[in-house]
């Protein structure tokens, strides 16, 4: 098991890169878990138009922006990442729903 270092404890570029790689692996695992829920949502929805819910999208983005500020993360950067993720998920859900309806 690899122990993590705080950013301030990293003394070399290799130290920083190792920590970024560790965080990236954790993010991938979380994205994979999230994807399982998106897949399940697509199985539950019955119409491809259900995949795009503007009210829900804006509520999620508002929450992401608020939480980003609390974490000292640029809220514009977080919003961009989430909007990209949401757009991909909408297209993914639509594809699954449409294929099931054929």
C-alpha atoms as a PDB file:
ATOM      1  CA  UNK A   1       0.000   0.000   0.000  1.00  0.00           C
ATOM      2  CA  UNK A   2       1.354   3.388  -0.996  1.00  0.00           C
ATOM      3  CA  UNK A   3       1.175   6.135   1.543  1.00  0.00           C
ATOM      4  CA  UNK A   4       0.228   9.520   0.269  1.00  0.00           C
ATOM      5  CA  UNK A   5       2.108  12.756   0.751  1.00  0.00           C
ATOM      6  CA  UNK A   6       0.574  16.169   1.137  1.00  0.00           C
ATOM      7  CA  UNK A   7       1.463  18.629  -1.621  1.00  0.00           C
ATOM      8  CA  UNK A   8       3.791  20.446   0.774  1.00  0.00           C
ATOM      9  CA  UNK A   9       5.573  17.178   1.617  1.00  0.00           C
ATOM     10  CA  UNK A  10       6.426  16.535  -2.039  1.00  0.00           C
ATOM     11  CA  UNK A  11      10.029  17.509  -2.617  1.00  0.00           C
ATOM     12  CA  UNK A  12      10.566  16.460  -6.232  1.00  0.00           C
ATOM     13  CA  UNK A  13       8.640  16.420  -9.486  1.00  0.00           C
ATOM     14  CA  UNK A  14       8.533  12.623  -9.193  1.00  0.00           C
ATOM     15  CA  UNK A  15       6.899  12.956  -5.759  1.00  0.00           C
ATOM     16  CA  UNK A  16       4.238  15.265  -7.200  1.00  0.00           C
ATOM     17  CA  UNK A  17       3.696  13.037 -10.245  1.00  0.00           C
ATOM     18  CA  UNK A  18       3.278   9.968  -8.030  1.00  0.00           C
ATOM     19  CA  UNK A  19       0.611  11.760  -6.001  1.00  0.00           C
ATOM     20  CA  UNK A  20      -1.185  12.976  -9.123  1.00  0.00           C
ATOM     21  CA  UNK A  21      -1.159   9.396 -10.435  1.00  0.00           C
ATOM     22  CA  UNK A  22      -2.586   8.171  -7.112  1.00  0.00           C
ATOM     23  CA  UNK A  23      -5.359  10.773  -7.202  1.00  0.00           C
ATOM     24  CA  UNK A  24      -6.072  10.002 -10.871  1.00  0.00           C
ATOM     25  CA  UNK A  25      -6.526   6.321  -9.994  1.00  0.00           C
ATOM     26  CA  UNK A  26      -8.961   7.255  -7.226  1.00  0.00           C
ATOM     27  CA  UNK A  27     -10.857   9.537  -9.616  1.00  0.00           C
ATOM     28  CA  UNK A  28     -11.085   6.757 -12.204  1.00  0.00           C
ATOM     29  CA  UNK A  29     -12.508   4.410  -9.602  1.00  0.00           C
ATOM     30  CA  UNK A  30     -15.099   7.028  -8.633  1.00  0.00           C
ATOM     31  CA  UNK A  31     -15.983   7.705 -12.285  1.00  0.00           C
ATOM     32  CA  UNK A  32     -16.402   3.959 -12.815  1.00  0.00           C
ATOM     33  CA  UNK A  33     -18.711   3.760  -9.794  1.00  0.00           C
ATOM     34  CA  UNK A  34     -20.675   6.786 -11.014  1.00  0.00           C
ATOM     35  CA  UNK A  35     -20.950   5.198 -14.455  1.00  0.00           C
ATOM     36  CA  UNK A  36     -22.633   2.143 -12.926  1.00  0.00           C
ATOM     37  CA  UNK A  37     -25.348   4.422 -11.548  1.00  0.00           C
ATOM     38  CA  UNK A  38     -25.712   6.220 -14.873  1.00  0.00           C
ATOM     39  CA  UNK A  39     -26.133   2.852 -16.564  1.00  0.00           C
ATOM     40  CA  UNK A  40     -28.766   1.865 -14.031  1.00  0.00           C
ATOM     41  CA  UNK A  41     -30.582   5.166 -14.580  1.00  0.00           C
ATOM     42  CA  UNK A  42     -30.629   4.488 -18.313  1.00  0.00           C
ATOM     43  CA  UNK A  43     -32.163   1.083 -17.600  1.00  0.00           C
ATOM     44  CA  UNK A  44     -34.903   2.683 -15.496  1.00  0.00           C
ATOM     45  CA  UNK A  45     -35.785   5.499 -17.899  1.00  0.00           C
ATOM     46  CA  UNK A  46     -38.216   4.630 -20.671  1.00  0.00           C
ATOM     47  CA  UNK A  47     -37.873   7.542 -23.120  1.00  0.00           C
ATOM     48  CA  UNK A  48     -34.628   8.980 -24.575  1.00  0.00           C
ATOM     49  CA  UNK A  49     -35.932  12.489 -23.864  1.00  0.00           C
ATOM     50  CA  UNK A  50     -35.791  11.701 -20.139  1.00  0.00           C
ATOM     51  CA  UNK A  51     -31.997  11.668 -20.384  1.00  0.00           C
ATOM     52  CA  UNK A  52     -31.908  15.464 -20.696  1.00  0.00           C
ATOM     53  CA  UNK A  53     -33.367  17.181 -17.623  1.00  0.00           C
ATOM     54  CA  UNK A  54     -32.333  20.869 -17.675  1.00  0.00           C
ATOM     55  CA  UNK A  55     -33.671  21.590 -14.183  1.00  0.00           C
ATOM     56  CA  UNK A  56     -31.715  18.678 -12.702  1.00  0.00           C
ATOM     57  CA  UNK A  57     -28.587  19.646 -14.670  1.00  0.00           C
ATOM     58  CA  UNK A  58     -28.606  23.217 -13.385  1.00  0.00           C
ATOM     59  CA  UNK A  59     -29.219  22.024  -9.810  1.00  0.00           C
ATOM     60  CA  UNK A  60     -26.218  19.695 -10.073  1.00  0.00           C
ATOM     61  CA  UNK A  61     -24.036  22.463 -11.534  1.00  0.00           C
ATOM     62  CA  UNK A  62     -25.060  24.905  -8.798  1.00  0.00           C
ATOM     63  CA  UNK A  63     -24.185  22.311  -6.150  1.00  0.00           C
ATOM     64  CA  UNK A  64     -20.833  21.555  -7.825  1.00  0.00           C
ATOM     65  CA  UNK A  65     -19.973  25.255  -7.945  1.00  0.00           C
ATOM     66  CA  UNK A  66     -20.856  25.745  -4.260  1.00  0.00           C
ATOM     67  CA  UNK A  67     -18.919  22.683  -3.169  1.00  0.00           C
ATOM     68  CA  UNK A  68     -15.944  23.719  -5.297  1.00  0.00           C
ATOM     69  CA  UNK A  69     -15.699  27.038  -3.523  1.00  0.00           C
ATOM     70  CA  UNK A  70     -15.800  25.269  -0.171  1.00  0.00           C
ATOM     71  CA  UNK A  71     -12.885  23.096  -1.349  1.00  0.00           C
ATOM     72  CA  UNK A  72     -10.870  26.034  -2.689  1.00  0.00           C
ATOM     73  CA  UNK A  73     -11.261  24.714  -6.247  1.00  0.00           C
ATOM     74  CA  UNK A  74     -11.940  27.018  -9.166  1.00  0.00           C
ATOM     75  CA  UNK A  75     -15.688  26.731  -9.685  1.00  0.00           C
ATOM     76  CA  UNK A  76     -15.446  27.429 -13.425  1.00  0.00           C
ATOM     77  CA  UNK A  77     -13.049  24.522 -13.867  1.00  0.00           C
ATOM     78  CA  UNK A  78     -15.307  22.211 -11.853  1.00  0.00           C
ATOM     79  CA  UNK A  79     -18.352  23.315 -13.840  1.00  0.00           C
ATOM     80  CA  UNK A  80     -16.584  22.609 -17.124  1.00  0.00           C
ATOM     81  CA  UNK A  81     -15.657  19.102 -15.994  1.00  0.00           C
ATOM     82  CA  UNK A  82     -19.190  18.368 -14.756  1.00  0.00           C
ATOM     83  CA  UNK A  83     -20.918  19.776 -17.839  1.00  0.00           C
ATOM     84  CA  UNK A  84     -18.672  17.592 -20.003  1.00  0.00           C
ATOM     85  CA  UNK A  85     -19.454  14.571 -17.831  1.00  0.00           C
ATOM     86  CA  UNK A  86     -23.188  15.318 -17.873  1.00  0.00           C
ATOM     87  CA  UNK A  87     -23.229  15.795 -21.659  1.00  0.00           C
ATOM     88  CA  UNK A  88     -21.472  12.468 -22.151  1.00  0.00           C
ATOM     89  CA  UNK A  89     -23.872  10.750 -19.744  1.00  0.00           C
ATOM     90  CA  UNK A  90     -26.921  12.191 -21.524  1.00  0.00           C
ATOM     91  CA  UNK A  91     -25.726  10.802 -24.857  1.00  0.00           C
ATOM     92  CA  UNK A  92     -24.865   7.469 -23.254  1.00  0.00           C
ATOM     93  CA  UNK A  93     -28.293   7.196 -21.606  1.00  0.00           C
ATOM     94  CA  UNK A  94     -30.084   8.159 -24.823  1.00  0.00           C
ATOM     95  CA  UNK A  95     -28.187   5.445 -26.682  1.00  0.00           C
ATOM     96  CA  UNK A  96     -29.079   2.750 -24.173  1.00  0.00           C
ATOM     97  CA  UNK A  97     -32.747   3.781 -24.017  1.00  0.00           C
ATOM     98  CA  UNK A  98     -33.067   4.044 -27.806  1.00  0.00           C
ATOM     99  CA  UNK A  99     -31.405   0.663 -28.348  1.00  0.00           C
ATOM    100  CA  UNK A 100     -33.745  -0.970 -25.872  1.00  0.00           C
ATOM    101  CA  UNK A 101     -36.792   0.527 -27.608  1.00  0.00           C
ATOM    102  CA  UNK A 102     -35.838  -0.880 -31.034  1.00  0.00           C
END
